[in-house]
Amino acid sequence: MIEIGIHNVTKNYGFKNILSHTSMEIMTGQRAAIVGRNGTGKTTLLRLISGEELPDQGSVSIRRGASMGCLDQIPRLRAPGETVSQVLMEPFADLLALEQTLRQLESRMAQEFDSGLMEEYAAAQESYEQKGGYGMEERLAKITQGFRLSSLLNQEYNVLSGGQKTVVNLALAMLCQPDILLLDEPTNHLDVETLEWFESFLAKYRGTVVMVSHDRWFLDRVATKTVILENGQCHSYEGNYTFSMEQREKELMAEFEQYRNQQKKIDAMKAAIRRFREWGALNKQNDSFYRKAKELEKRLEKLELLEKPQLEKPRLPIAFAGSRTGEEVLKLTGFSLAFAEVPLLTCEEFTVREKDRLCLLGGNGTGKTSLLKAVLGQVEHKGQVQWNAGVQLGYIPQEIRFLPETDTVLETFRRESLCTEGRARGLLAKFFFFGEDVFKRAGSLSGGEKVLLKLAILLQRQVNMLILDEPTNHIDIQTREMLEEALLNYQGTMLFVSHDRFFMEKTATRIACIRNHGLECFEGGYLDYRQYLEKLQGL
């Protein structure tokens, strides 16, 4: 059965065309992923499905009677004083009212016997059972524990961080159990352990799920259908992300072959036109050559030209490493961290070796970012932090800010890199700041653009040690893939925090996991680490 139908939809914002006469269908029970570069219309498509926005042309149809729940990228504020527990109880408002009715009826029946009361109580109890009242507490506990919200239940919702609000709203959407669940970037702010639980939960979800995400590992484990948004068009595939991208690549190869054949045909027609004109000039008594040239020209004009498919993936020019540092780049000895006198991390000895690409892994709140800030001298700690004397350090934090934010990209880059405008524009173009893009305000850049600008600046300094705190947050898949490829070519040393398992597996050569307030190191990538944990759990 068709759950969601998009029929010949066009959507524009001013002069910007987002969707152009595109169509797709999502069947009941499918878990559909919408992927594409930032700005291609993924969130717009979700808003059209939810009814928050209307198409300029075409129609959007939803199965009659289907209930719908949404997770937005930006959480809304609640009434002052409302706690997380109260927010999460919203889906149970009818059940709580029924429960109160049952308690009132029980109280009345304890005081007097009335057959009418007994019948009313039986009807209310049956309704309570049918609506899942007896499983309410278990359902709430499962979601609360899965998203690790137990410690937040009594806190006021409005004072939570943006990430915490997003997790609470994600839990709320799960508790509502709608027929159609719309999720916009649901994996943001979830650590790896919570992500894996969430994936297992979604895999068993009985309703239809439509999700926008840049987390490729998540999409491979959850999606049963993938919709790729390109140039205002939806390209649909029955499969997960990796399968769909392979299919799309095959299609592009076939389209390129068609384009190449057409170009050969056009070249042959143009050559024939030139020959007929040359022969006509030589034989002025015979107009047939000119007529044939005219006929070919008309055929050429009527030919519907195919666009050349983009097969080559864009790359970042990162092949720098600075000078050698020596075998030990960073060493911690007798190191410990605490937050508000609560111990976070203790480590007797920890070493980052030259050319390590070491990923720091652990749950939210375990001290990963604090550890990075401690080695950078930004957070108090106990013990020794020893840097090799030859280290030239580059740091990309979670939240990148260029001050003053009113400066343009060009001004920001030139201030940091001290070069001429011509050279600056040439270097910025290599990081995809073309033409007028260099006059964008630094404060208005997207997350991905900020990462690219920061990398462009660091490139000029020839850093041999990169510290990255969740570098793939807020950047689309294509930019993530460019970043991965570039960092694989980087010859220096890396220490980074990430929850992106695809990025970890592709990039990391070692994993350092914060567990039980200590640091455990493993050789290899994310899959090697997972295999170790599975063996540990099997013992």
Protein backbone atom coordinates (compact mmCIF):
# COMPACT_ATOMS: atom_id res chain seq x y z
CA MET A 1 0.00 0.00 0.00
CA ILE A 2 1.26 3.49 -0.84
CA GLU A 3 1.78 5.41 2.41
CA ILE A 4 3.22 8.62 0.93
CA GLY A 5 2.97 9.83 -2.66
CA ILE A 6 4.86 12.78 -4.17
CA HIS A 7 3.40 13.55 -7.61
CA ASN A 8 5.09 15.94 -10.07
CA VAL A 9 6.01 18.35 -7.26
CA THR A 10 7.76 21.68 -7.81
CA LYS A 11 8.90 23.89 -4.93
CA ASN A 12 10.69 27.23 -5.22
CA TYR A 13 11.99 29.75 -2.68
CA GLY A 14 12.11 33.08 -4.48
CA PHE A 15 14.25 32.53 -7.56
CA LYS A 16 15.82 29.35 -6.14
CA ASN A 17 14.39 26.12 -7.57
CA ILE A 18 14.53 23.37 -4.91
CA LEU A 19 12.30 20.62 -6.36
CA SER A 20 11.40 20.45 -10.05
CA HIS A 21 8.52 18.23 -11.28
CA THR A 22 9.71 15.33 -9.14
CA SER A 23 7.82 12.24 -8.01
CA MET A 24 8.33 9.33 -5.61
CA GLU A 25 6.36 6.81 -3.55
CA ILE A 26 6.99 5.32 -0.11
CA MET A 27 5.15 2.12 0.76
CA THR A 28 3.64 1.21 4.13
CA GLY A 29 6.28 -0.14 6.52
CA GLN A 30 9.28 1.10 4.54
CA ARG A 31 12.15 2.92 6.22
CA ALA A 32 13.08 5.50 3.60
CA ALA A 33 16.27 7.56 3.76
CA ILE A 34 16.48 10.91 1.94
CA VAL A 35 20.08 11.80 1.13
CA GLY A 36 21.81 14.56 -0.80
CA ARG A 37 24.05 17.57 -0.44
CA ASN A 38 23.09 20.39 1.92
CA GLY A 39 20.62 22.70 0.19
CA THR A 40 19.21 20.09 -2.20
CA GLY A 41 15.77 20.07 -0.51
CA LYS A 42 15.82 17.17 1.97
CA THR A 43 14.20 19.10 4.83
CA THR A 44 11.83 20.76 2.35
CA LEU A 45 10.66 17.30 1.27
CA LEU A 46 9.93 16.36 4.91
CA ARG A 47 7.96 19.59 5.39
CA LEU A 48 5.91 18.88 2.30
CA ILE A 49 5.11 15.39 3.61
CA SER A 50 4.16 16.73 7.06
CA GLY A 51 1.94 19.41 5.52
CA GLU A 52 3.99 22.21 7.09
CA GLU A 53 4.58 23.53 3.56
CA LEU A 54 2.60 23.22 0.33
CA PRO A 55 4.03 22.52 -3.15
CA ASP A 56 3.97 25.28 -5.79
CA GLN A 57 2.88 22.62 -8.30
CA GLY A 58 1.93 18.97 -8.04
CA SER A 59 0.49 17.14 -5.04
CA VAL A 60 1.45 15.24 -1.90
CA SER A 61 -0.82 12.40 -0.77
CA ILE A 62 -0.82 10.56 2.56
CA ARG A 63 -2.66 7.32 3.29
CA ARG A 64 -6.09 8.16 4.71
CA GLY A 65 -6.20 7.91 8.50
CA ALA A 66 -2.42 7.65 8.97
CA SER A 67 -1.08 9.42 12.06
CA MET A 68 2.17 11.36 11.78
CA GLY A 69 5.00 12.34 14.15
CA CYS A 70 7.98 14.59 13.41
CA LEU A 71 11.43 15.30 14.78
CA ASP A 72 12.62 18.75 13.72
CA GLN A 73 16.27 19.82 13.51
CA ILE A 74 15.63 22.81 15.82
CA PRO A 75 13.74 21.95 19.05
CA ARG A 76 11.00 24.34 20.17
CA LEU A 77 10.77 25.79 23.69
CA ARG A 78 8.19 24.57 26.21
CA ALA A 79 6.20 26.23 28.97
CA PRO A 80 8.46 27.58 31.76
CA GLY A 81 9.07 24.99 34.49
CA GLU A 82 7.97 21.99 32.38
CA THR A 83 10.23 19.02 33.18
CA VAL A 84 11.60 16.36 30.86
CA SER A 85 9.35 13.81 32.57
CA GLN A 86 6.27 15.92 31.81
CA VAL A 87 7.32 16.27 28.18
CA LEU A 88 7.75 12.51 27.82
CA MET A 89 4.36 11.83 29.41
CA GLU A 90 2.51 13.81 26.70
CA PRO A 91 1.73 10.75 24.53
CA PHE A 92 0.06 9.12 27.54
CA ALA A 93 -2.37 11.98 28.31
CA ASP A 94 -5.45 9.88 27.39
CA LEU A 95 -4.15 6.87 29.34
CA LEU A 96 -3.40 9.00 32.40
CA ALA A 97 -6.92 10.43 32.25
CA LEU A 98 -8.32 6.89 32.02
CA GLU A 99 -6.10 5.81 34.88
CA GLN A 100 -7.46 8.65 37.01
CA THR A 101 -11.01 7.61 36.09
CA LEU A 102 -10.25 4.02 37.17
CA ARG A 103 -8.87 5.22 40.55
CA GLN A 104 -11.99 7.38 41.11
CA LEU A 105 -14.30 4.48 40.23
CA GLU A 106 -12.36 2.15 42.56
CA SER A 107 -12.75 4.67 45.37
CA ARG A 108 -16.50 4.95 44.79
CA MET A 109 -16.91 1.15 44.56
CA ALA A 110 -15.11 0.74 47.88
CA GLN A 111 -17.79 2.88 49.51
CA GLU A 112 -20.90 1.48 47.79
CA PHE A 113 -21.92 -1.45 45.62
CA ASP A 114 -23.55 -0.41 42.36
CA SER A 115 -23.87 -2.61 39.28
CA GLY A 116 -23.76 0.51 37.10
CA LEU A 117 -20.42 1.46 38.60
CA MET A 118 -19.10 -2.05 37.95
CA GLU A 119 -20.12 -1.85 34.28
CA GLU A 120 -18.55 1.62 33.93
CA TYR A 121 -15.36 0.34 35.57
CA ALA A 122 -15.20 -2.72 33.30
CA ALA A 123 -15.62 -0.55 30.18
CA ALA A 124 -12.93 1.89 31.32
CA GLN A 125 -10.57 -0.98 32.20
CA GLU A 126 -11.09 -2.59 28.77
CA SER A 127 -10.37 0.73 27.04
CA TYR A 128 -7.26 1.20 29.21
CA GLU A 129 -5.98 -2.25 28.28
CA GLN A 130 -6.72 -1.83 24.53
CA LYS A 131 -4.78 1.48 24.46
CA GLY A 132 -1.74 -0.16 26.05
CA GLY A 133 -2.13 1.21 29.55
CA TYR A 134 -0.63 -1.82 31.26
CA GLY A 135 2.47 -1.57 29.05
CA MET A 136 2.83 2.20 29.49
CA GLU A 137 5.48 2.11 32.20
CA GLU A 138 7.50 -0.56 30.43
CA ARG A 139 7.36 1.41 27.16
CA LEU A 140 8.44 4.61 28.88
CA ALA A 141 11.27 2.87 30.74
CA LYS A 142 12.55 1.22 27.54
CA ILE A 143 12.76 4.52 25.66
CA THR A 144 14.11 6.50 28.63
CA GLN A 145 16.86 3.97 29.31
CA GLY A 146 17.67 3.51 25.62
CA PHE A 147 18.23 7.24 25.14
CA ARG A 148 19.89 7.55 28.59
CA LEU A 149 17.46 10.17 29.84
CA SER A 150 16.93 8.85 33.38
CA SER A 151 19.21 11.48 34.93
CA LEU A 152 17.39 14.31 33.11
CA LEU A 153 13.78 13.43 33.99
CA ASN A 154 13.42 15.98 36.79
CA GLN A 155 15.27 18.79 34.99
CA GLU A 156 13.46 21.70 33.36
CA TYR A 157 13.28 21.11 29.61
CA ASN A 158 14.04 24.70 28.57
CA VAL A 159 17.41 24.78 30.39
CA LEU A 160 18.75 21.71 28.58
CA SER A 161 21.41 22.05 25.89
CA GLY A 162 20.34 21.95 22.25
CA GLY A 163 21.64 18.40 21.94
CA GLN A 164 19.78 17.23 25.05
CA LYS A 165 16.54 18.81 23.78
CA THR A 166 16.98 16.97 20.46
CA VAL A 167 17.38 13.61 22.25
CA VAL A 168 14.30 14.30 24.42
CA ASN A 169 12.25 15.15 21.32
CA LEU A 170 13.51 12.02 19.57
CA ALA A 171 12.39 9.93 22.55
CA LEU A 172 9.03 11.74 22.49
CA ALA A 173 8.57 10.92 18.79
CA MET A 174 9.30 7.24 19.52
CA LEU A 175 6.81 7.17 22.40
CA CYS A 176 4.04 8.59 20.20
CA GLN A 177 4.32 5.55 17.87
CA PRO A 178 2.78 7.28 14.82
CA ASP A 179 2.02 5.43 11.58
CA ILE A 180 4.45 7.76 9.78
CA LEU A 181 7.57 8.92 11.58
CA LEU A 182 9.52 11.83 10.03
CA LEU A 183 13.06 12.22 11.36
CA ASP A 184 15.30 15.15 10.41
CA GLU A 185 18.91 14.38 11.45
CA PRO A 186 17.93 11.97 14.28
CA THR A 187 21.49 10.76 14.92
CA ASN A 188 22.89 14.19 15.85
CA HIS A 189 24.02 14.28 19.50
CA LEU A 190 23.76 10.49 19.99
CA ASP A 191 26.86 8.58 21.10
CA VAL A 192 27.78 5.26 19.50
CA GLU A 193 26.15 3.04 22.13
CA THR A 194 22.86 4.97 21.96
CA LEU A 195 23.03 4.97 18.16
CA GLU A 196 23.28 1.19 18.05
CA TRP A 197 20.31 0.82 20.41
CA PHE A 198 18.32 3.31 18.30
CA GLU A 199 19.12 1.39 15.10
CA SER A 200 17.85 -1.85 16.64
CA PHE A 201 14.68 -0.06 17.82
CA LEU A 202 13.96 1.44 14.38
CA ALA A 203 14.61 -1.88 12.64
CA LYS A 204 11.65 -3.32 14.60
CA TYR A 205 9.41 -0.26 14.24
CA ARG A 206 6.07 -1.26 12.72
CA GLY A 207 5.25 2.07 11.11
CA THR A 208 6.69 3.89 8.11
CA VAL A 209 9.86 5.91 8.71
CA VAL A 210 11.18 8.75 6.54
CA MET A 211 14.56 10.06 7.67
CA VAL A 212 17.12 12.62 6.63
CA SER A 213 20.60 11.74 7.84
CA HIS A 214 24.27 12.07 6.88
CA ASP A 215 25.25 9.04 9.01
CA ARG A 216 26.09 6.37 6.41
CA TRP A 217 26.52 3.56 8.94
CA PHE A 218 23.08 4.32 10.38
CA LEU A 219 21.52 4.47 6.90
CA ASP A 220 23.08 1.14 5.92
CA ARG A 221 21.71 -0.57 9.02
CA VAL A 222 18.21 0.97 9.01
CA ALA A 223 17.09 2.09 5.53
CA THR A 224 15.14 -0.26 3.26
CA LYS A 225 14.67 2.43 0.61
CA THR A 226 16.93 5.34 -0.37
CA VAL A 227 15.90 8.52 -2.16
CA ILE A 228 18.82 10.51 -3.60
CA LEU A 229 18.03 14.20 -4.20
CA GLU A 230 19.98 15.75 -7.07
CA ASN A 231 19.22 18.84 -9.12
CA GLY A 232 15.64 19.01 -7.87
CA GLN A 233 14.90 15.37 -8.74
CA CYS A 234 14.27 12.27 -6.60
CA HIS A 235 16.09 9.09 -7.61
CA SER A 236 14.60 6.15 -5.67
CA TYR A 237 16.22 2.77 -4.94
CA GLU A 238 14.97 -0.24 -3.02
CA GLY A 239 17.88 -0.78 -0.64
CA ASN A 240 20.18 0.82 1.89
CA TYR A 241 22.58 3.71 1.32
CA THR A 242 25.61 1.77 0.04
CA PHE A 243 23.53 -0.34 -2.37
CA SER A 244 21.71 2.74 -3.68
CA MET A 245 24.92 4.69 -4.28
CA GLU A 246 26.33 1.74 -6.22
CA GLN A 247 23.17 1.64 -8.34
CA ARG A 248 23.31 5.41 -8.88
CA GLU A 249 26.94 5.15 -9.98
CA LYS A 250 25.99 2.48 -12.54
CA GLU A 251 23.22 4.76 -13.84
CA LEU A 252 25.64 7.68 -14.13
CA MET A 253 28.11 5.50 -16.04
CA ALA A 254 25.32 4.51 -18.43
CA GLU A 255 24.28 8.19 -18.77
CA PHE A 256 27.89 9.15 -19.46
CA GLU A 257 28.10 6.50 -22.19
CA GLN A 258 24.93 7.92 -23.76
CA TYR A 259 26.39 11.44 -23.50
CA ARG A 260 29.66 10.31 -25.10
CA ASN A 261 27.82 8.55 -27.96
CA GLN A 262 25.74 11.68 -28.55
CA GLN A 263 28.88 13.84 -28.62
CA LYS A 264 30.41 11.47 -31.20
CA LYS A 265 27.22 11.76 -33.26
CA ILE A 266 27.29 15.59 -32.99
CA ASP A 267 30.97 15.70 -34.01
CA ALA A 268 30.22 13.43 -36.99
CA MET A 269 27.27 15.63 -38.07
CA LYS A 270 29.36 18.82 -37.76
CA ALA A 271 32.14 17.21 -39.82
CA ALA A 272 29.59 16.15 -42.47
CA ILE A 273 28.17 19.70 -42.58
CA ARG A 274 31.67 21.12 -43.17
CA ARG A 275 32.35 18.57 -45.92
CA PHE A 276 29.04 19.28 -47.72
CA ARG A 277 29.72 23.02 -47.59
CA GLU A 278 33.27 22.52 -48.88
CA TRP A 279 31.99 20.28 -51.72
CA GLY A 280 29.24 22.83 -52.48
CA ALA A 281 31.87 25.60 -52.74
CA LEU A 282 33.95 23.45 -55.13
CA ASN A 283 30.96 22.45 -57.26
CA LYS A 284 28.90 25.64 -57.60
CA GLN A 285 26.68 24.08 -60.26
CA ASN A 286 25.28 21.59 -57.70
CA ASP A 287 23.16 22.99 -54.83
CA SER A 288 22.45 19.53 -53.40
CA PHE A 289 25.51 19.70 -51.13
CA TYR A 290 24.26 22.95 -49.56
CA ARG A 291 20.76 21.42 -49.12
CA LYS A 292 22.24 18.39 -47.36
CA ALA A 293 24.30 20.69 -45.12
CA LYS A 294 21.12 22.67 -44.27
CA GLU A 295 19.18 19.48 -43.51
CA LEU A 296 21.91 18.28 -41.14
CA GLU A 297 22.03 21.68 -39.43
CA LYS A 298 18.27 21.54 -38.81
CA ARG A 299 18.58 18.01 -37.39
CA LEU A 300 21.42 19.22 -35.16
CA GLU A 301 19.34 22.15 -33.88
CA LYS A 302 16.42 19.85 -33.00
CA LEU A 303 18.66 17.39 -31.16
CA GLU A 304 17.90 17.30 -27.42
CA LEU A 305 21.31 17.71 -25.84
CA LEU A 306 22.23 15.47 -22.91
CA GLU A 307 23.99 17.00 -19.92
CA LYS A 308 27.39 15.60 -19.08
CA PRO A 309 27.11 13.54 -15.85
CA GLN A 310 29.55 14.45 -13.09
CA LEU A 311 31.55 11.26 -12.51
CA GLU A 312 34.64 12.60 -10.79
CA LYS A 313 34.21 13.29 -7.08
CA PRO A 314 35.55 16.65 -5.83
CA ARG A 315 38.70 16.43 -3.72
CA LEU A 316 40.36 18.57 -1.07
CA PRO A 317 44.05 19.40 -1.60
CA ILE A 318 45.38 18.09 1.73
CA ALA A 319 48.76 16.47 1.30
CA PHE A 320 50.73 18.40 3.92
CA ALA A 321 52.43 17.26 7.08
CA GLY A 322 54.94 19.87 8.15
CA SER A 323 58.23 18.70 9.66
CA ARG A 324 58.84 15.39 11.45
CA THR A 325 58.03 15.29 15.16
CA GLY A 326 59.75 12.15 16.41
CA GLU A 327 58.17 8.86 17.55
CA GLU A 328 56.26 10.21 20.58
CA VAL A 329 54.09 13.18 19.65
CA LEU A 330 52.05 13.44 22.86
CA LYS A 331 52.43 11.68 26.21
CA LEU A 332 50.20 11.79 29.29
CA THR A 333 51.60 10.59 32.61
CA GLY A 334 49.67 10.30 35.89
CA PHE A 335 46.87 12.20 34.18
CA SER A 336 43.41 12.79 35.66
CA LEU A 337 40.37 14.96 34.89
CA ALA A 338 37.40 15.95 37.03
CA PHE A 339 34.28 18.05 36.49
CA ALA A 340 32.87 19.86 39.54
CA GLU A 341 34.95 17.51 41.72
CA VAL A 342 33.37 14.46 40.04
CA PRO A 343 36.14 12.21 38.54
CA LEU A 344 35.89 11.92 34.76
CA LEU A 345 39.07 10.20 33.65
CA THR A 346 42.24 8.73 35.14
CA CYS A 347 45.15 7.54 33.03
CA GLU A 348 48.58 6.46 34.25
CA GLU A 349 50.13 6.59 30.78
CA PHE A 350 48.88 7.38 27.31
CA THR A 351 50.94 8.02 24.17
CA VAL A 352 50.06 9.34 20.72
CA ARG A 353 52.65 8.14 18.20
CA GLU A 354 53.82 9.86 15.04
CA LYS A 355 51.41 9.30 12.10
CA ASP A 356 48.75 7.85 14.41
CA ARG A 357 45.18 8.56 13.33
CA LEU A 358 43.79 7.97 16.80
CA CYS A 359 40.05 8.16 17.46
CA LEU A 360 38.88 8.99 20.99
CA LEU A 361 35.67 7.07 21.62
CA GLY A 362 33.21 7.04 24.51
CA GLY A 363 29.68 7.86 25.61
CA ASN A 364 28.35 11.39 25.97
CA GLY A 365 29.66 12.99 29.16
CA THR A 366 32.65 10.66 29.57
CA GLY A 367 35.18 13.45 29.03
CA LYS A 368 36.31 13.19 25.39
CA THR A 369 36.13 16.92 24.61
CA SER A 370 37.51 17.73 28.09
CA LEU A 371 40.53 15.53 27.36
CA LEU A 372 41.19 17.37 24.10
CA LYS A 373 40.88 20.73 25.85
CA ALA A 374 43.18 19.54 28.64
CA VAL A 375 46.00 18.59 26.27
CA LEU A 376 45.50 21.98 24.58
CA GLY A 377 45.88 23.71 27.94
CA GLN A 378 42.28 24.97 28.03
CA VAL A 379 41.05 22.83 30.96
CA GLU A 380 42.64 22.19 34.37
CA HIS A 381 43.97 18.69 35.01
CA LYS A 382 46.38 16.73 37.17
CA GLY A 383 49.49 14.97 35.89
CA GLN A 384 51.83 15.71 33.00
CA VAL A 385 51.04 16.54 29.38
CA GLN A 386 54.22 16.38 27.28
CA TRP A 387 54.28 17.56 23.65
CA ASN A 388 57.13 16.79 21.29
CA ALA A 389 59.12 19.98 20.66
CA GLY A 390 58.61 19.67 16.89
CA VAL A 391 54.79 19.70 17.02
CA GLN A 392 53.00 22.29 14.87
CA LEU A 393 49.43 22.05 16.11
CA GLY A 394 46.14 22.55 14.30
CA TYR A 395 42.80 22.35 16.15
CA ILE A 396 39.24 22.20 14.81
CA PRO A 397 36.67 22.41 17.65
CA GLN A 398 33.04 21.23 17.57
CA GLU A 399 31.75 24.77 17.25
CA ILE A 400 33.93 26.75 14.84
CA ARG A 401 33.80 30.52 15.17
CA PHE A 402 35.70 33.09 13.14
CA LEU A 403 35.93 36.46 14.85
CA PRO A 404 34.79 39.00 13.93
CA GLU A 405 31.88 37.10 12.37
CA THR A 406 31.06 40.06 10.13
CA ASP A 407 34.32 39.58 8.19
CA THR A 408 34.05 37.90 4.79
CA VAL A 409 35.59 34.52 3.99
CA LEU A 410 38.29 36.32 2.02
CA GLU A 411 39.10 38.74 4.86
CA THR A 412 39.18 35.91 7.41
CA PHE A 413 41.50 33.79 5.27
CA ARG A 414 43.86 36.67 4.46
CA ARG A 415 44.08 37.73 8.11
CA GLU A 416 45.07 34.19 9.11
CA SER A 417 47.28 33.42 6.10
CA LEU A 418 48.87 36.77 5.18
CA CYS A 419 48.77 36.50 1.39
CA THR A 420 47.66 38.60 -1.60
CA GLU A 421 44.00 38.68 -2.63
CA GLY A 422 44.72 36.86 -5.90
CA ARG A 423 46.57 34.02 -4.18
CA ALA A 424 43.92 33.85 -1.42
CA ARG A 425 41.09 33.51 -3.96
CA GLY A 426 43.02 30.79 -5.81
CA LEU A 427 43.59 28.81 -2.60
CA LEU A 428 39.97 29.26 -1.43
CA ALA A 429 38.69 27.97 -4.79
CA LYS A 430 40.45 24.67 -4.03
CA PHE A 431 38.22 24.45 -0.96
CA PHE A 432 35.07 25.20 -3.03
CA PHE A 433 34.74 28.92 -2.27
CA PHE A 434 34.22 30.09 -5.85
CA GLY A 435 33.52 33.59 -7.19
CA GLU A 436 31.13 35.52 -4.96
CA ASP A 437 31.35 32.80 -2.24
CA VAL A 438 34.48 34.51 -0.88
CA PHE A 439 32.34 37.52 0.11
CA LYS A 440 30.03 35.49 2.38
CA ARG A 441 30.14 36.54 6.03
CA ALA A 442 32.19 34.06 8.10
CA GLY A 443 29.45 33.97 10.76
CA SER A 444 26.79 32.92 8.24
CA LEU A 445 28.65 29.90 6.83
CA SER A 446 27.17 26.40 7.16
CA GLY A 447 28.89 23.83 9.39
CA GLY A 448 30.52 22.19 6.38
CA GLU A 449 31.76 25.50 4.98
CA LYS A 450 33.31 26.41 8.34
CA VAL A 451 35.20 23.10 8.42
CA LEU A 452 36.48 23.71 4.88
CA LEU A 453 37.59 27.27 5.68
CA LYS A 454 39.34 26.13 8.87
CA LEU A 455 41.17 23.40 6.94
CA ALA A 456 42.17 25.89 4.25
CA ILE A 457 43.71 28.13 6.93
CA LEU A 458 45.51 25.25 8.66
CA LEU A 459 46.90 24.08 5.32
CA GLN A 460 48.90 27.31 5.02
CA ARG A 461 50.54 26.68 8.41
CA GLN A 462 51.88 23.22 7.49
CA VAL A 463 50.64 21.68 10.76
CA ASN A 464 51.95 18.19 11.59
CA MET A 465 49.42 17.43 14.34
CA LEU A 466 45.65 17.77 13.86
CA ILE A 467 43.18 17.67 16.76
CA LEU A 468 39.58 17.36 15.54
CA ASP A 469 36.49 17.39 17.76
CA GLU A 470 33.60 15.74 15.89
CA PRO A 471 34.66 17.12 12.48
CA THR A 472 31.76 15.50 10.60
CA ASN A 473 29.00 17.17 12.63
CA HIS A 474 26.65 19.26 10.46
CA ILE A 475 28.35 18.39 7.15
CA ASP A 476 26.75 16.44 4.32
CA ILE A 477 27.87 13.04 3.04
CA GLN A 478 29.79 14.36 0.04
CA THR A 479 31.82 16.73 2.23
CA ARG A 480 32.43 13.88 4.72
CA GLU A 481 33.76 11.71 1.91
CA MET A 482 36.03 14.53 0.70
CA LEU A 483 37.29 15.02 4.25
CA GLU A 484 37.96 11.29 4.67
CA GLU A 485 39.88 11.12 1.41
CA ALA A 486 41.92 14.19 2.32
CA LEU A 487 42.77 12.93 5.81
CA LEU A 488 43.87 9.57 4.41
CA ASN A 489 46.43 11.54 2.36
CA TYR A 490 47.50 13.58 5.39
CA GLN A 491 51.00 12.51 6.46
CA GLY A 492 50.92 14.04 9.93
CA THR A 493 49.43 12.81 13.23
CA MET A 494 45.73 12.98 14.14
CA LEU A 495 43.81 12.83 17.40
CA PHE A 496 40.06 13.11 16.90
CA VAL A 497 36.69 12.59 18.56
CA SER A 498 33.85 11.18 16.45
CA HIS A 499 30.58 9.27 16.70
CA ASP A 500 30.57 8.71 12.91
CA ARG A 501 31.38 5.01 12.63
CA PHE A 502 31.85 5.15 8.86
CA PHE A 503 34.36 7.99 9.31
CA MET A 504 36.10 6.10 12.14
CA GLU A 505 36.42 2.88 10.18
CA LYS A 506 37.75 4.69 7.11
CA THR A 507 40.16 6.99 8.94
CA ALA A 508 41.31 5.60 12.31
CA THR A 509 44.40 3.42 12.78
CA ARG A 510 43.89 3.22 16.56
CA ILE A 511 40.95 3.55 18.95
CA ALA A 512 41.22 4.94 22.48
CA CYS A 513 38.00 4.27 24.37
CA ILE A 514 37.00 5.95 27.62
CA ARG A 515 35.40 3.21 29.73
CA ASN A 516 34.89 3.11 33.50
CA HIS A 517 36.79 6.42 33.86
CA GLY A 518 39.88 4.96 32.20
CA LEU A 519 41.46 4.85 28.72
CA GLU A 520 41.72 1.57 26.78
CA CYS A 521 43.66 1.55 23.50
CA PHE A 522 43.09 -0.80 20.55
CA GLU A 523 44.97 -1.19 17.28
CA GLY A 524 42.82 -0.92 14.15
CA GLY A 525 39.55 0.76 13.22
CA TYR A 526 36.00 0.68 14.50
CA LEU A 527 35.20 -2.87 13.32
CA ASP A 528 38.29 -4.24 15.09
CA TYR A 529 37.12 -2.51 18.25
CA ARG A 530 33.59 -3.94 17.88
CA GLN A 531 34.99 -7.46 17.40
CA TYR A 532 36.99 -7.06 20.61
CA LEU A 533 33.86 -5.98 22.53
CA GLU A 534 31.85 -8.92 21.14
CA LYS A 535 34.54 -11.35 22.26
CA LEU A 536 34.58 -9.69 25.68
CA GLN A 537 30.79 -10.02 26.00
CA GLY A 538 30.97 -13.68 24.89
CA LEU A 539 33.39 -14.61 27.70
